[in-house]
């Protein structure tokens, strides 16, 4: 299991949290997705044999949010 922490640019309201968390949670291989509104970060625990950090980034960007950076660590 790995964890991706994504720094997000364009979270403007609390409903953005639900939108991003919901989309990430539906990705095959994601165990848990949490968005921290005040920090503009998404933390995602995922199985890297089923999904990549790049695919998670693309999921967020497809919603219209900019991902400034992604840091991946063993979880």
PDB file of N, CA and C in Angstrom:
ATOM      1  N   UNK A   1       0.850  -1.181   0.000  1.00  0.00           N
ATOM      2  CA  UNK A   1       0.000   0.000   0.000  1.00  0.00           C
ATOM      3  C   UNK A   1       0.888   1.234   0.000  1.00  0.00           C
ATOM      4  N   UNK A   2       0.511   2.201  -0.799  1.00  0.00           N
ATOM      5  CA  UNK A   2       1.228   3.475  -0.862  1.00  0.00           C
ATOM      6  C   UNK A   2       0.280   4.612  -0.517  1.00  0.00           C
ATOM      7  N   UNK A   3       0.879   5.764  -0.235  1.00  0.00           N
ATOM      8  CA  UNK A   3       0.093   6.973   0.023  1.00  0.00           C
ATOM      9  C   UNK A   3       0.594   8.065  -0.911  1.00  0.00           C
ATOM     10  N   UNK A   4      -0.351   8.697  -1.586  1.00  0.00           N
ATOM     11  CA  UNK A   4      -0.042   9.864  -2.407  1.00  0.00           C
ATOM     12  C   UNK A   4      -0.614  11.086  -1.700  1.00  0.00           C
ATOM     13  N   UNK A   5       0.196  12.114  -1.583  1.00  0.00           N
ATOM     14  CA  UNK A   5      -0.262  13.388  -1.043  1.00  0.00           C
ATOM     15  C   UNK A   5      -0.157  14.387  -2.186  1.00  0.00           C
ATOM     16  N   UNK A   6      -1.306  14.919  -2.568  1.00  0.00           N
ATOM     17  CA  UNK A   6      -1.369  15.858  -3.677  1.00  0.00           C
ATOM     18  C   UNK A   6      -1.635  17.260  -3.161  1.00  0.00           C
ATOM     19  N   UNK A   7      -0.804  18.195  -3.575  1.00  0.00           N
ATOM     20  CA  UNK A   7      -1.030  19.606  -3.266  1.00  0.00           C
ATOM     21  C   UNK A   7      -1.943  20.166  -4.349  1.00  0.00           C
ATOM     22  N   UNK A   8      -3.095  20.681  -3.950  1.00  0.00           N
ATOM     23  CA  UNK A   8      -4.103  21.167  -4.885  1.00  0.00           C
ATOM     24  C   UNK A   8      -4.133  22.688  -4.898  1.00  0.00           C
ATOM     25  N   UNK A   9      -4.408  23.258  -6.050  1.00  0.00           N
ATOM     26  CA  UNK A   9      -4.429  24.711  -6.215  1.00  0.00           C
ATOM     27  C   UNK A   9      -5.816  25.307  -6.033  1.00  0.00           C
ATOM     28  N   UNK A  10      -6.837  24.683  -6.574  1.00  0.00           N
ATOM     29  CA  UNK A  10      -8.090  25.400  -6.808  1.00  0.00           C
ATOM     30  C   UNK A  10      -9.285  24.947  -5.966  1.00  0.00           C
ATOM     31  N   UNK A  11      -9.072  24.493  -4.743  1.00  0.00           N
ATOM     32  CA  UNK A  11     -10.216  24.177  -3.890  1.00  0.00           C
ATOM     33  C   UNK A  11     -10.800  25.490  -3.386  1.00  0.00           C
ATOM     34  N   UNK A  12     -12.047  25.740  -3.720  1.00  0.00           N
ATOM     35  CA  UNK A  12     -12.646  27.023  -3.366  1.00  0.00           C
ATOM     36  C   UNK A  12     -13.796  26.911  -2.377  1.00  0.00           C
ATOM     37  N   UNK A  13     -14.318  25.700  -2.155  1.00  0.00           N
ATOM     38  CA  UNK A  13     -15.453  25.565  -1.250  1.00  0.00           C
ATOM     39  C   UNK A  13     -15.500  24.150  -0.679  1.00  0.00           C
ATOM     40  N   UNK A  14     -16.209  23.978   0.435  1.00  0.00           N
ATOM     41  CA  UNK A  14     -16.296  22.655   1.043  1.00  0.00           C
ATOM     42  C   UNK A  14     -16.909  21.578   0.134  1.00  0.00           C
ATOM     43  N   UNK A  15     -17.752  21.957  -0.793  1.00  0.00           N
ATOM     44  CA  UNK A  15     -18.323  20.946  -1.689  1.00  0.00           C
ATOM     45  C   UNK A  15     -17.255  20.358  -2.615  1.00  0.00           C
ATOM     46  N   UNK A  16     -16.168  21.100  -2.816  1.00  0.00           N
ATOM     47  CA  UNK A  16     -15.045  20.575  -3.608  1.00  0.00           C
ATOM     48  C   UNK A  16     -14.470  19.326  -2.939  1.00  0.00           C
ATOM     49  N   UNK A  17     -14.463  19.321  -1.618  1.00  0.00           N
ATOM     50  CA  UNK A  17     -13.936  18.177  -0.874  1.00  0.00           C
ATOM     51  C   UNK A  17     -14.698  16.921  -1.258  1.00  0.00           C
ATOM     52  N   UNK A  18     -16.009  16.986  -1.203  1.00  0.00           N
ATOM     53  CA  UNK A  18     -16.834  15.814  -1.516  1.00  0.00           C
ATOM     54  C   UNK A  18     -16.647  15.369  -2.959  1.00  0.00           C
ATOM     55  N   UNK A  19     -16.523  16.326  -3.852  1.00  0.00           N
ATOM     56  CA  UNK A  19     -16.363  16.006  -5.268  1.00  0.00           C
ATOM     57  C   UNK A  19     -15.050  15.251  -5.512  1.00  0.00           C
ATOM     58  N   UNK A  20     -13.954  15.764  -4.954  1.00  0.00           N
ATOM     59  CA  UNK A  20     -12.643  15.143  -5.153  1.00  0.00           C
ATOM     60  C   UNK A  20     -12.566  13.811  -4.416  1.00  0.00           C
ATOM     61  N   UNK A  21     -12.999  13.778  -3.165  1.00  0.00           N
ATOM     62  CA  UNK A  21     -12.980  12.521  -2.403  1.00  0.00           C
ATOM     63  C   UNK A  21     -13.818  11.449  -3.087  1.00  0.00           C
ATOM     64  N   UNK A  22     -14.989  11.829  -3.563  1.00  0.00           N
ATOM     65  CA  UNK A  22     -15.877  10.877  -4.221  1.00  0.00           C
ATOM     66  C   UNK A  22     -15.257  10.291  -5.475  1.00  0.00           C
ATOM     67  N   UNK A  23     -14.660  11.135  -6.291  1.00  0.00           N
ATOM     68  CA  UNK A  23     -14.037  10.663  -7.537  1.00  0.00           C
ATOM     69  C   UNK A  23     -12.854   9.747  -7.238  1.00  0.00           C
ATOM     70  N   UNK A  24     -12.018  10.137  -6.291  1.00  0.00           N
ATOM     71  CA  UNK A  24     -10.860   9.312  -5.957  1.00  0.00           C
ATOM     72  C   UNK A  24     -11.280   7.984  -5.336  1.00  0.00           C
ATOM     73  N   UNK A  25     -12.305   8.005  -4.500  1.00  0.00           N
ATOM     74  CA  UNK A  25     -12.771   6.785  -3.834  1.00  0.00           C
ATOM     75  C   UNK A  25     -13.302   5.758  -4.815  1.00  0.00           C
ATOM     76  N   UNK A  26     -13.775   6.204  -5.964  1.00  0.00           N
ATOM     77  CA  UNK A  26     -14.330   5.293  -6.975  1.00  0.00           C
ATOM     78  C   UNK A  26     -13.257   4.635  -7.846  1.00  0.00           C
ATOM     79  N   UNK A  27     -12.017   5.119  -7.761  1.00  0.00           N
ATOM     80  CA  UNK A  27     -10.938   4.558  -8.578  1.00  0.00           C
ATOM     81  C   UNK A  27     -10.557   3.181  -8.034  1.00  0.00           C
ATOM     82  N   UNK A  28     -10.492   2.208  -8.938  1.00  0.00           N
ATOM     83  CA  UNK A  28     -10.112   0.852  -8.545  1.00  0.00           C
ATOM     84  C   UNK A  28      -8.700   0.871  -7.963  1.00  0.00           C
ATOM     85  N   UNK A  29      -8.558   0.345  -6.753  1.00  0.00           N
ATOM     86  CA  UNK A  29      -7.262   0.306  -6.089  1.00  0.00           C
ATOM     87  C   UNK A  29      -7.112   1.321  -4.977  1.00  0.00           C
ATOM     88  N   UNK A  30      -8.046   2.267  -4.884  1.00  0.00           N
ATOM     89  CA  UNK A  30      -7.987   3.268  -3.814  1.00  0.00           C
ATOM     90  C   UNK A  30      -8.663   2.703  -2.569  1.00  0.00           C
ATOM     91  N   UNK A  31      -7.914   2.698  -1.470  1.00  0.00           N
ATOM     92  CA  UNK A  31      -8.458   2.233  -0.204  1.00  0.00           C
ATOM     93  C   UNK A  31      -9.159   3.363   0.548  1.00  0.00           C
ATOM     94  N   UNK A  32      -8.528   4.543   0.563  1.00  0.00           N
ATOM     95  CA  UNK A  32      -9.113   5.687   1.269  1.00  0.00           C
ATOM     96  C   UNK A  32      -8.624   6.979   0.643  1.00  0.00           C
ATOM     97  N   UNK A  33      -9.520   7.941   0.533  1.00  0.00           N
ATOM     98  CA  UNK A  33      -9.168   9.267   0.024  1.00  0.00           C
ATOM     99  C   UNK A  33      -9.711  10.316   0.985  1.00  0.00           C
ATOM    100  N   UNK A  34      -8.841  11.227   1.390  1.00  0.00           N
ATOM    101  CA  UNK A  34      -9.227  12.298   2.305  1.00  0.00           C
ATOM    102  C   UNK A  34      -8.712  13.616   1.754  1.00  0.00           C
ATOM    103  N   UNK A  35      -9.583  14.613   1.700  1.00  0.00           N
ATOM    104  CA  UNK A  35      -9.180  15.933   1.238  1.00  0.00           C
ATOM    105  C   UNK A  35      -9.219  16.892   2.419  1.00  0.00           C
ATOM    106  N   UNK A  36      -8.123  17.617   2.591  1.00  0.00           N
ATOM    107  CA  UNK A  36      -8.011  18.602   3.655  1.00  0.00           C
ATOM    108  C   UNK A  36      -8.196  19.979   3.034  1.00  0.00           C
ATOM    109  N   UNK A  37      -9.367  20.561   3.253  1.00  0.00           N
ATOM    110  CA  UNK A  37      -9.732  21.819   2.597  1.00  0.00           C
ATOM    111  C   UNK A  37      -8.763  22.947   2.938  1.00  0.00           C
ATOM    112  N   UNK A  38      -8.508  23.178   4.215  1.00  0.00           N
ATOM    113  CA  UNK A  38      -7.669  24.305   4.630  1.00  0.00           C
ATOM    114  C   UNK A  38      -6.228  24.174   4.152  1.00  0.00           C
ATOM    115  N   UNK A  39      -5.745  22.940   4.002  1.00  0.00           N
ATOM    116  CA  UNK A  39      -4.377  22.712   3.539  1.00  0.00           C
ATOM    117  C   UNK A  39      -4.309  22.536   2.025  1.00  0.00           C
ATOM    118  N   UNK A  40      -5.463  22.427   1.379  1.00  0.00           N
ATOM    119  CA  UNK A  40      -5.546  22.169  -0.064  1.00  0.00           C
ATOM    120  C   UNK A  40      -4.730  20.944  -0.461  1.00  0.00           C
ATOM    121  N   UNK A  41      -4.944  19.860   0.295  1.00  0.00           N
ATOM    122  CA  UNK A  41      -4.236  18.604   0.022  1.00  0.00           C
ATOM    123  C   UNK A  41      -5.214  17.454  -0.043  1.00  0.00           C
ATOM    124  N   UNK A  42      -4.874  16.479  -0.877  1.00  0.00           N
ATOM    125  CA  UNK A  42      -5.608  15.218  -0.917  1.00  0.00           C
ATOM    126  C   UNK A  42      -4.631  14.127  -0.517  1.00  0.00           C
ATOM    127  N   UNK A  43      -5.044  13.284   0.432  1.00  0.00           N
ATOM    128  CA  UNK A  43      -4.244  12.133   0.853  1.00  0.00           C
ATOM    129  C   UNK A  43      -4.978  10.883   0.384  1.00  0.00           C
ATOM    130  N   UNK A  44      -4.271  10.043  -0.354  1.00  0.00           N
ATOM    131  CA  UNK A  44      -4.890   8.864  -0.943  1.00  0.00           C
ATOM    132  C   UNK A  44      -4.056   7.636  -0.637  1.00  0.00           C
ATOM    133  N   UNK A  45      -4.659   6.658   0.038  1.00  0.00           N
ATOM    134  CA  UNK A  45      -4.022   5.366   0.257  1.00  0.00           C
ATOM    135  C   UNK A  45      -4.472   4.453  -0.874  1.00  0.00           C
ATOM    136  N   UNK A  46      -3.489   3.850  -1.581  1.00  0.00           N
ATOM    137  CA  UNK A  46      -3.837   3.073  -2.761  1.00  0.00           C
ATOM    138  C   UNK A  46      -2.903   1.887  -2.973  1.00  0.00           C
ATOM    139  N   UNK A  47      -3.390   0.925  -3.723  1.00  0.00           N
ATOM    140  CA  UNK A  47      -2.634  -0.266  -4.103  1.00  0.00           C
ATOM    141  C   UNK A  47      -1.948   0.054  -5.427  1.00  0.00           C
ATOM    142  N   UNK A  48      -0.632   0.190  -5.382  1.00  0.00           N
ATOM    143  CA  UNK A  48       0.092   0.615  -6.586  1.00  0.00           C
ATOM    144  C   UNK A  48       0.211  -0.479  -7.646  1.00  0.00           C
ATOM    145  N   UNK A  49      -0.275  -1.677  -7.344  1.00  0.00           N
ATOM    146  CA  UNK A  49      -0.324  -2.709  -8.381  1.00  0.00           C
ATOM    147  C   UNK A  49      -1.605  -2.578  -9.211  1.00  0.00           C
ATOM    148  N   UNK A  50      -2.539  -1.740  -8.757  1.00  0.00           N
ATOM    149  CA  UNK A  50      -3.810  -1.561  -9.459  1.00  0.00           C
ATOM    150  C   UNK A  50      -4.001  -0.165 -10.031  1.00  0.00           C
ATOM    151  N   UNK A  51      -3.329   0.821  -9.449  1.00  0.00           N
ATOM    152  CA  UNK A  51      -3.475   2.207  -9.915  1.00  0.00           C
ATOM    153  C   UNK A  51      -2.187   2.962  -9.594  1.00  0.00           C
ATOM    154  N   UNK A  52      -1.846   3.915 -10.434  1.00  0.00           N
ATOM    155  CA  UNK A  52      -0.626   4.699 -10.205  1.00  0.00           C
ATOM    156  C   UNK A  52      -0.972   6.074  -9.634  1.00  0.00           C
ATOM    157  N   UNK A  53       0.030   6.709  -9.053  1.00  0.00           N
ATOM    158  CA  UNK A  53      -0.151   8.065  -8.548  1.00  0.00           C
ATOM    159  C   UNK A  53      -0.499   9.007  -9.700  1.00  0.00           C
ATOM    160  N   UNK A  54       0.062   8.757 -10.872  1.00  0.00           N
ATOM    161  CA  UNK A  54      -0.238   9.588 -12.042  1.00  0.00           C
ATOM    162  C   UNK A  54      -1.716   9.469 -12.432  1.00  0.00           C
ATOM    163  N   UNK A  55      -2.278   8.266 -12.327  1.00  0.00           N
ATOM    164  CA  UNK A  55      -3.698   8.084 -12.627  1.00  0.00           C
ATOM    165  C   UNK A  55      -4.569   8.811 -11.607  1.00  0.00           C
ATOM    166  N   UNK A  56      -4.148   8.818 -10.354  1.00  0.00           N
ATOM    167  CA  UNK A  56      -4.890   9.547  -9.323  1.00  0.00           C
ATOM    168  C   UNK A  56      -4.845  11.047  -9.603  1.00  0.00           C
ATOM    169  N   UNK A  57      -3.675  11.536  -9.976  1.00  0.00           N
ATOM    170  CA  UNK A  57      -3.525  12.949 -10.339  1.00  0.00           C
ATOM    171  C   UNK A  57      -4.446  13.291 -11.504  1.00  0.00           C
ATOM    172  N   UNK A  58      -4.480  12.437 -12.502  1.00  0.00           N
ATOM    173  CA  UNK A  58      -5.314  12.672 -13.682  1.00  0.00           C
ATOM    174  C   UNK A  58      -6.795  12.692 -13.305  1.00  0.00           C
ATOM    175  N   UNK A  59      -7.197  11.847 -12.365  1.00  0.00           N
ATOM    176  CA  UNK A  59      -8.585  11.824 -11.895  1.00  0.00           C
ATOM    177  C   UNK A  59      -8.983  13.179 -11.338  1.00  0.00           C
ATOM    178  N   UNK A  60      -8.108  13.767 -10.526  1.00  0.00           N
ATOM    179  CA  UNK A  60      -8.384  15.078  -9.927  1.00  0.00           C
ATOM    180  C   UNK A  60      -8.395  16.163 -11.004  1.00  0.00           C
ATOM    181  N   UNK A  61      -7.435  16.106 -11.896  1.00  0.00           N
ATOM    182  CA  UNK A  61      -7.362  17.123 -12.945  1.00  0.00           C
ATOM    183  C   UNK A  61      -8.549  17.037 -13.905  1.00  0.00           C
ATOM    184  N   UNK A  62      -9.067  15.840 -14.120  1.00  0.00           N
ATOM    185  CA  UNK A  62     -10.247  15.680 -14.975  1.00  0.00           C
ATOM    186  C   UNK A  62     -11.485  16.347 -14.379  1.00  0.00           C
ATOM    187  N   UNK A  63     -11.460  16.583 -13.072  1.00  0.00           N
ATOM    188  CA  UNK A  63     -12.565  17.288 -12.409  1.00  0.00           C
ATOM    189  C   UNK A  63     -12.423  18.806 -12.547  1.00  0.00           C
ATOM    190  N   UNK A  64     -11.279  19.252 -13.043  1.00  0.00           N
ATOM    191  CA  UNK A  64     -11.053  20.685 -13.220  1.00  0.00           C
ATOM    192  C   UNK A  64     -10.197  21.320 -12.140  1.00  0.00           C
ATOM    193  N   UNK A  65      -9.585  20.509 -11.294  1.00  0.00           N
ATOM    194  CA  UNK A  65      -8.718  21.036 -10.239  1.00  0.00           C
ATOM    195  C   UNK A  65      -7.266  20.836 -10.632  1.00  0.00           C
ATOM    196  N   UNK A  66      -6.441  21.810 -10.309  1.00  0.00           N
ATOM    197  CA  UNK A  66      -5.017  21.723 -10.643  1.00  0.00           C
ATOM    198  C   UNK A  66      -4.255  21.032  -9.518  1.00  0.00           C
ATOM    199  N   UNK A  67      -3.425  20.066  -9.881  1.00  0.00           N
ATOM    200  CA  UNK A  67      -2.550  19.387  -8.930  1.00  0.00           C
ATOM    201  C   UNK A  67      -1.160  19.987  -9.094  1.00  0.00           C
ATOM    202  N   UNK A  68      -0.665  20.649  -8.047  1.00  0.00           N
ATOM    203  CA  UNK A  68       0.627  21.331  -8.113  1.00  0.00           C
ATOM    204  C   UNK A  68       1.801  20.371  -7.897  1.00  0.00           C
ATOM    205  N   UNK A  69       1.594  19.369  -7.039  1.00  0.00           N
ATOM    206  CA  UNK A  69       2.675  18.427  -6.731  1.00  0.00           C
ATOM    207  C   UNK A  69       2.068  17.150  -6.179  1.00  0.00           C
ATOM    208  N   UNK A  70       2.782  16.044  -6.383  1.00  0.00           N
ATOM    209  CA  UNK A  70       2.373  14.740  -5.832  1.00  0.00           C
ATOM    210  C   UNK A  70       3.587  14.127  -5.171  1.00  0.00           C
ATOM    211  N   UNK A  71       3.435  13.745  -3.910  1.00  0.00           N
ATOM    212  CA  UNK A  71       4.482  13.036  -3.188  1.00  0.00           C
ATOM    213  C   UNK A  71       3.939  11.662  -2.808  1.00  0.00           C
ATOM    214  N   UNK A  72       4.698  10.626  -3.155  1.00  0.00           N
ATOM    215  CA  UNK A  72       4.255   9.263  -2.875  1.00  0.00           C
ATOM    216  C   UNK A  72       5.205   8.624  -1.865  1.00  0.00           C
ATOM    217  N   UNK A  73       4.605   7.964  -0.854  1.00  0.00           N
ATOM    218  CA  UNK A  73       5.377   7.274   0.151  1.00  0.00           C
ATOM    219  C   UNK A  73       4.786   5.895   0.392  1.00  0.00           C
ATOM    220  N   UNK A  74       5.593   5.019   0.978  1.00  0.00           N
ATOM    221  CA  UNK A  74       5.081   3.703   1.382  1.00  0.00           C
ATOM    222  C   UNK A  74       4.154   3.920   2.566  1.00  0.00           C
ATOM    223  N   UNK A  75       3.015   3.228   2.527  1.00  0.00           N
ATOM    224  CA  UNK A  75       2.031   3.454   3.584  1.00  0.00           C
ATOM    225  C   UNK A  75       1.825   2.340   4.433  1.00  0.00           C
TER     226      UNK A  75
END
